[in-house]
């Protein structure tokens, strides 16, 4: 009978490892603006919204004049 428990224990162990890995995985995103960042309020809003939802945001674009 113990041999029937081995697949279940193995599956539970794998699920626990996956949960731990997901909890430690940082959620990262890059917002790329093909133009002046200062004149892109929509992209600024997207970056802010992603940040508020737990993402680490890298904001890339051209500086204004």
PDB file of N, CA and C in Angstrom:
ATOM      1  N   UNK A   1       0.806  -1.209   0.000  1.00  0.00           N
ATOM      2  CA  UNK A   1       0.000   0.000   0.000  1.00  0.00           C
ATOM      3  C   UNK A   1       0.850   1.275   0.000  1.00  0.00           C
ATOM      4  N   UNK A   2       2.009   1.319   0.684  1.00  0.00           N
ATOM      5  CA  UNK A   2       2.833   2.531   0.677  1.00  0.00           C
ATOM      6  C   UNK A   2       3.285   2.933  -0.726  1.00  0.00           C
ATOM      7  N   UNK A   3       3.455   1.947  -1.614  1.00  0.00           N
ATOM      8  CA  UNK A   3       3.889   2.266  -2.975  1.00  0.00           C
ATOM      9  C   UNK A   3       2.845   3.100  -3.723  1.00  0.00           C
ATOM     10  N   UNK A   4       1.593   3.040  -3.299  1.00  0.00           N
ATOM     11  CA  UNK A   4       0.545   3.847  -3.928  1.00  0.00           C
ATOM     12  C   UNK A   4       0.622   5.314  -3.495  1.00  0.00           C
ATOM     13  N   UNK A   5       1.234   5.573  -2.355  1.00  0.00           N
ATOM     14  CA  UNK A   5       1.344   6.944  -1.855  1.00  0.00           C
ATOM     15  C   UNK A   5       2.492   7.719  -2.494  1.00  0.00           C
ATOM     16  N   UNK A   6       3.464   7.018  -3.019  1.00  0.00           N
ATOM     17  CA  UNK A   6       4.658   7.680  -3.561  1.00  0.00           C
ATOM     18  C   UNK A   6       4.314   8.689  -4.666  1.00  0.00           C
ATOM     19  N   UNK A   7       3.493   8.339  -5.659  1.00  0.00           N
ATOM     20  CA  UNK A   7       3.171   9.349  -6.686  1.00  0.00           C
ATOM     21  C   UNK A   7       2.468  10.581  -6.111  1.00  0.00           C
ATOM     22  N   UNK A   8       1.620  10.387  -5.114  1.00  0.00           N
ATOM     23  CA  UNK A   8       0.894  11.508  -4.517  1.00  0.00           C
ATOM     24  C   UNK A   8       1.837  12.421  -3.742  1.00  0.00           C
ATOM     25  N   UNK A   9       2.740  11.833  -2.995  1.00  0.00           N
ATOM     26  CA  UNK A   9       3.708  12.616  -2.224  1.00  0.00           C
ATOM     27  C   UNK A   9       4.625  13.378  -3.174  1.00  0.00           C
ATOM     28  N   UNK A  10       5.043  12.723  -4.251  1.00  0.00           N
ATOM     29  CA  UNK A  10       5.908  13.370  -5.237  1.00  0.00           C
ATOM     30  C   UNK A  10       5.188  14.543  -5.891  1.00  0.00           C
ATOM     31  N   UNK A  11       3.941  14.355  -6.256  1.00  0.00           N
ATOM     32  CA  UNK A  11       3.158  15.429  -6.872  1.00  0.00           C
ATOM     33  C   UNK A  11       2.986  16.593  -5.911  1.00  0.00           C
ATOM     34  N   UNK A  12       2.666  16.323  -4.664  1.00  0.00           N
ATOM     35  CA  UNK A  12       2.508  17.387  -3.672  1.00  0.00           C
ATOM     36  C   UNK A  12       3.815  18.139  -3.461  1.00  0.00           C
ATOM     37  N   UNK A  13       4.909  17.415  -3.444  1.00  0.00           N
ATOM     38  CA  UNK A  13       6.219  18.042  -3.272  1.00  0.00           C
ATOM     39  C   UNK A  13       6.529  18.977  -4.437  1.00  0.00           C
ATOM     40  N   UNK A  14       6.250  18.534  -5.651  1.00  0.00           N
ATOM     41  CA  UNK A  14       6.483  19.377  -6.830  1.00  0.00           C
ATOM     42  C   UNK A  14       5.600  20.619  -6.814  1.00  0.00           C
ATOM     43  N   UNK A  15       4.352  20.461  -6.427  1.00  0.00           N
ATOM     44  CA  UNK A  15       3.442  21.609  -6.363  1.00  0.00           C
ATOM     45  C   UNK A  15       3.917  22.635  -5.339  1.00  0.00           C
ATOM     46  N   UNK A  16       4.404  22.165  -4.200  1.00  0.00           N
ATOM     47  CA  UNK A  16       4.914  23.084  -3.180  1.00  0.00           C
ATOM     48  C   UNK A  16       6.135  23.833  -3.691  1.00  0.00           C
ATOM     49  N   UNK A  17       7.020  23.154  -4.396  1.00  0.00           N
ATOM     50  CA  UNK A  17       8.204  23.815  -4.950  1.00  0.00           C
ATOM     51  C   UNK A  17       7.805  24.864  -5.983  1.00  0.00           C
ATOM     52  N   UNK A  18       6.833  24.540  -6.827  1.00  0.00           N
ATOM     53  CA  UNK A  18       6.376  25.502  -7.834  1.00  0.00           C
ATOM     54  C   UNK A  18       5.744  26.721  -7.182  1.00  0.00           C
ATOM     55  N   UNK A  19       4.956  26.515  -6.140  1.00  0.00           N
ATOM     56  CA  UNK A  19       4.332  27.646  -5.436  1.00  0.00           C
ATOM     57  C   UNK A  19       5.393  28.547  -4.829  1.00  0.00           C
ATOM     58  N   UNK A  20       6.404  27.948  -4.195  1.00  0.00           N
ATOM     59  CA  UNK A  20       7.481  28.740  -3.595  1.00  0.00           C
ATOM     60  C   UNK A  20       8.224  29.520  -4.666  1.00  0.00           C
ATOM     61  N   UNK A  21       8.494  28.890  -5.784  1.00  0.00           N
ATOM     62  CA  UNK A  21       9.216  29.562  -6.861  1.00  0.00           C
ATOM     63  C   UNK A  21       8.389  30.723  -7.411  1.00  0.00           C
ATOM     64  N   UNK A  22       7.080  30.513  -7.592  1.00  0.00           N
ATOM     65  CA  UNK A  22       6.217  31.582  -8.088  1.00  0.00           C
ATOM     66  C   UNK A  22       6.154  32.735  -7.105  1.00  0.00           C
ATOM     67  N   UNK A  23       6.153  32.434  -5.821  1.00  0.00           N
ATOM     68  CA  UNK A  23       6.085  33.484  -4.805  1.00  0.00           C
ATOM     69  C   UNK A  23       7.362  34.309  -4.790  1.00  0.00           C
ATOM     70  N   UNK A  24       8.478  33.696  -5.151  1.00  0.00           N
ATOM     71  CA  UNK A  24       9.755  34.398  -5.135  1.00  0.00           C
ATOM     72  C   UNK A  24      10.075  35.066  -6.469  1.00  0.00           C
ATOM     73  N   UNK A  25       9.350  34.720  -7.519  1.00  0.00           N
ATOM     74  CA  UNK A  25       9.617  35.277  -8.836  1.00  0.00           C
ATOM     75  C   UNK A  25       9.148  36.721  -8.893  1.00  0.00           C
ATOM     76  N   UNK A  26      10.072  37.582  -9.279  1.00  0.00           N
ATOM     77  CA  UNK A  26       9.725  38.992  -9.394  1.00  0.00           C
ATOM     78  C   UNK A  26       9.009  39.212 -10.726  1.00  0.00           C
ATOM     79  N   UNK A  27       7.954  39.982 -10.673  1.00  0.00           N
ATOM     80  CA  UNK A  27       7.203  40.298 -11.879  1.00  0.00           C
ATOM     81  C   UNK A  27       7.806  41.568 -12.471  1.00  0.00           C
ATOM     82  N   UNK A  28       8.441  41.440 -13.629  1.00  0.00           N
ATOM     83  CA  UNK A  28       9.123  42.571 -14.247  1.00  0.00           C
ATOM     84  C   UNK A  28       8.543  42.859 -15.622  1.00  0.00           C
ATOM     85  N   UNK A  29       8.553  44.146 -15.977  1.00  0.00           N
ATOM     86  CA  UNK A  29       8.064  44.557 -17.286  1.00  0.00           C
ATOM     87  C   UNK A  29       8.853  45.786 -17.730  1.00  0.00           C
ATOM     88  N   UNK A  30       8.991  45.942 -19.028  1.00  0.00           N
ATOM     89  CA  UNK A  30       9.658  47.118 -19.592  1.00  0.00           C
ATOM     90  C   UNK A  30       8.645  47.848 -20.465  1.00  0.00           C
ATOM     91  N   UNK A  31       8.428  49.130 -20.185  1.00  0.00           N
ATOM     92  CA  UNK A  31       7.545  49.963 -21.003  1.00  0.00           C
ATOM     93  C   UNK A  31       8.453  50.788 -21.909  1.00  0.00           C
ATOM     94  N   UNK A  32       8.354  50.570 -23.213  1.00  0.00           N
ATOM     95  CA  UNK A  32       9.204  51.236 -24.193  1.00  0.00           C
ATOM     96  C   UNK A  32       8.398  52.304 -24.922  1.00  0.00           C
ATOM     97  N   UNK A  33       8.880  53.546 -24.862  1.00  0.00           N
ATOM     98  CA  UNK A  33       8.219  54.668 -25.532  1.00  0.00           C
ATOM     99  C   UNK A  33       9.104  55.087 -26.702  1.00  0.00           C
ATOM    100  N   UNK A  34       8.567  55.048 -27.909  1.00  0.00           N
ATOM    101  CA  UNK A  34       9.334  55.464 -29.089  1.00  0.00           C
ATOM    102  C   UNK A  34       9.102  56.954 -29.320  1.00  0.00           C
ATOM    103  N   UNK A  35       9.541  57.738 -28.382  1.00  0.00           N
ATOM    104  CA  UNK A  35       9.369  59.187 -28.459  1.00  0.00           C
ATOM    105  C   UNK A  35       9.675  59.807 -27.113  1.00  0.00           C
ATOM    106  N   UNK A  36       9.227  61.039 -26.946  1.00  0.00           N
ATOM    107  CA  UNK A  36       9.449  61.820 -25.729  1.00  0.00           C
ATOM    108  C   UNK A  36       8.580  61.273 -24.592  1.00  0.00           C
ATOM    109  N   UNK A  37       9.223  60.811 -23.522  1.00  0.00           N
ATOM    110  CA  UNK A  37       8.481  60.254 -22.379  1.00  0.00           C
ATOM    111  C   UNK A  37       7.546  61.303 -21.779  1.00  0.00           C
ATOM    112  N   UNK A  38       8.011  62.548 -21.705  1.00  0.00           N
ATOM    113  CA  UNK A  38       7.211  63.626 -21.117  1.00  0.00           C
ATOM    114  C   UNK A  38       5.938  63.930 -21.885  1.00  0.00           C
ATOM    115  N   UNK A  39       5.906  63.574 -23.154  1.00  0.00           N
ATOM    116  CA  UNK A  39       4.713  63.820 -23.984  1.00  0.00           C
ATOM    117  C   UNK A  39       3.921  62.536 -24.224  1.00  0.00           C
ATOM    118  N   UNK A  40       4.086  61.586 -23.337  1.00  0.00           N
ATOM    119  CA  UNK A  40       3.399  60.297 -23.464  1.00  0.00           C
ATOM    120  C   UNK A  40       2.633  59.975 -22.181  1.00  0.00           C
ATOM    121  N   UNK A  41       1.593  60.775 -21.857  1.00  0.00           N
ATOM    122  CA  UNK A  41       0.872  60.528 -20.603  1.00  0.00           C
ATOM    123  C   UNK A  41       0.217  59.146 -20.539  1.00  0.00           C
ATOM    124  N   UNK A  42      -0.201  58.616 -21.675  1.00  0.00           N
ATOM    125  CA  UNK A  42      -0.825  57.290 -21.675  1.00  0.00           C
ATOM    126  C   UNK A  42       0.193  56.229 -21.251  1.00  0.00           C
ATOM    127  N   UNK A  43       1.416  56.333 -21.781  1.00  0.00           N
ATOM    128  CA  UNK A  43       2.449  55.365 -21.419  1.00  0.00           C
ATOM    129  C   UNK A  43       2.878  55.545 -19.962  1.00  0.00           C
ATOM    130  N   UNK A  44       2.892  56.783 -19.480  1.00  0.00           N
ATOM    131  CA  UNK A  44       3.195  57.036 -18.070  1.00  0.00           C
ATOM    132  C   UNK A  44       2.133  56.378 -17.192  1.00  0.00           C
ATOM    133  N   UNK A  45       0.874  56.504 -17.612  1.00  0.00           N
ATOM    134  CA  UNK A  45      -0.223  55.879 -16.868  1.00  0.00           C
ATOM    135  C   UNK A  45      -0.061  54.354 -16.859  1.00  0.00           C
ATOM    136  N   UNK A  46       0.295  53.777 -18.009  1.00  0.00           N
ATOM    137  CA  UNK A  46       0.492  52.321 -18.080  1.00  0.00           C
ATOM    138  C   UNK A  46       1.595  51.883 -17.116  1.00  0.00           C
ATOM    139  N   UNK A  47       2.706  52.615 -17.109  1.00  0.00           N
ATOM    140  CA  UNK A  47       3.823  52.270 -16.222  1.00  0.00           C
ATOM    141  C   UNK A  47       3.398  52.370 -14.759  1.00  0.00           C
ATOM    142  N   UNK A  48       2.681  53.423 -14.414  1.00  0.00           N
ATOM    143  CA  UNK A  48       2.211  53.610 -13.037  1.00  0.00           C
ATOM    144  C   UNK A  48       1.233  52.503 -12.640  1.00  0.00           C
ATOM    145  N   UNK A  49       0.321  52.176 -13.528  1.00  0.00           N
ATOM    146  CA  UNK A  49      -0.667  51.129 -13.251  1.00  0.00           C
ATOM    147  C   UNK A  49       0.007  49.770 -13.048  1.00  0.00           C
ATOM    148  N   UNK A  50       0.956  49.442 -13.904  1.00  0.00           N
ATOM    149  CA  UNK A  50       1.684  48.178 -13.749  1.00  0.00           C
ATOM    150  C   UNK A  50       2.427  48.139 -12.422  1.00  0.00           C
ATOM    151  N   UNK A  51       3.027  49.267 -12.056  1.00  0.00           N
ATOM    152  CA  UNK A  51       3.747  49.352 -10.782  1.00  0.00           C
ATOM    153  C   UNK A  51       2.808  49.130  -9.600  1.00  0.00           C
ATOM    154  N   UNK A  52       1.633  49.735  -9.665  1.00  0.00           N
ATOM    155  CA  UNK A  52       0.645  49.573  -8.588  1.00  0.00           C
ATOM    156  C   UNK A  52       0.143  48.135  -8.484  1.00  0.00           C
ATOM    157  N   UNK A  53       0.217  47.384  -9.582  1.00  0.00           N
ATOM    158  CA  UNK A  53      -0.220  45.989  -9.585  1.00  0.00           C
ATOM    159  C   UNK A  53       0.919  45.018  -9.270  1.00  0.00           C
ATOM    160  N   UNK A  54       2.034  45.546  -8.760  1.00  0.00           N
ATOM    161  CA  UNK A  54       3.091  44.678  -8.259  1.00  0.00           C
ATOM    162  C   UNK A  54       4.237  44.392  -9.211  1.00  0.00           C
ATOM    163  N   UNK A  55       4.244  45.030 -10.364  1.00  0.00           N
ATOM    164  CA  UNK A  55       5.333  44.814 -11.310  1.00  0.00           C
ATOM    165  C   UNK A  55       6.485  45.766 -11.024  1.00  0.00           C
ATOM    166  N   UNK A  56       7.694  45.293 -11.267  1.00  0.00           N
ATOM    167  CA  UNK A  56       8.873  46.145 -11.252  1.00  0.00           C
ATOM    168  C   UNK A  56       8.992  46.688 -12.671  1.00  0.00           C
ATOM    169  N   UNK A  57       8.859  48.009 -12.830  1.00  0.00           N
ATOM    170  CA  UNK A  57       8.759  48.619 -14.158  1.00  0.00           C
ATOM    171  C   UNK A  57      10.056  49.318 -14.533  1.00  0.00           C
ATOM    172  N   UNK A  58      10.541  49.026 -15.731  1.00  0.00           N
ATOM    173  CA  UNK A  58      11.633  49.780 -16.341  1.00  0.00           C
ATOM    174  C   UNK A  58      11.002  50.607 -17.450  1.00  0.00           C
ATOM    175  N   UNK A  59      11.206  51.922 -17.395  1.00  0.00           N
ATOM    176  CA  UNK A  59      10.580  52.853 -18.326  1.00  0.00           C
ATOM    177  C   UNK A  59      11.666  53.370 -19.263  1.00  0.00           C
ATOM    178  N   UNK A  60      11.553  53.086 -20.551  1.00  0.00           N
ATOM    179  CA  UNK A  60      12.585  53.446 -21.521  1.00  0.00           C
ATOM    180  C   UNK A  60      11.992  54.364 -22.580  1.00  0.00           C
ATOM    181  N   UNK A  61      12.701  55.452 -22.871  1.00  0.00           N
ATOM    182  CA  UNK A  61      12.263  56.374 -23.913  1.00  0.00           C
ATOM    183  C   UNK A  61      13.272  57.482 -24.097  1.00  0.00           C
ATOM    184  N   UNK A  62      12.909  58.479 -24.893  1.00  0.00           N
ATOM    185  CA  UNK A  62      13.784  59.613 -25.154  1.00  0.00           C
ATOM    186  C   UNK A  62      13.458  60.749 -24.198  1.00  0.00           C
ATOM    187  N   UNK A  63      14.485  61.499 -23.756  1.00  0.00           N
ATOM    188  CA  UNK A  63      14.223  62.650 -22.884  1.00  0.00           C
ATOM    189  C   UNK A  63      13.606  63.791 -23.693  1.00  0.00           C
ATOM    190  N   UNK A  64      12.841  64.631 -23.010  1.00  0.00           N
ATOM    191  CA  UNK A  64      12.250  65.795 -23.670  1.00  0.00           C
ATOM    192  C   UNK A  64      13.292  66.870 -23.912  1.00  0.00           C
ATOM    193  N   UNK A  65      12.902  67.879 -24.679  1.00  0.00           N
ATOM    194  CA  UNK A  65      13.828  68.984 -24.976  1.00  0.00           C
ATOM    195  C   UNK A  65      13.715  70.077 -23.957  1.00  0.00           C
TER     196      UNK A  65
END
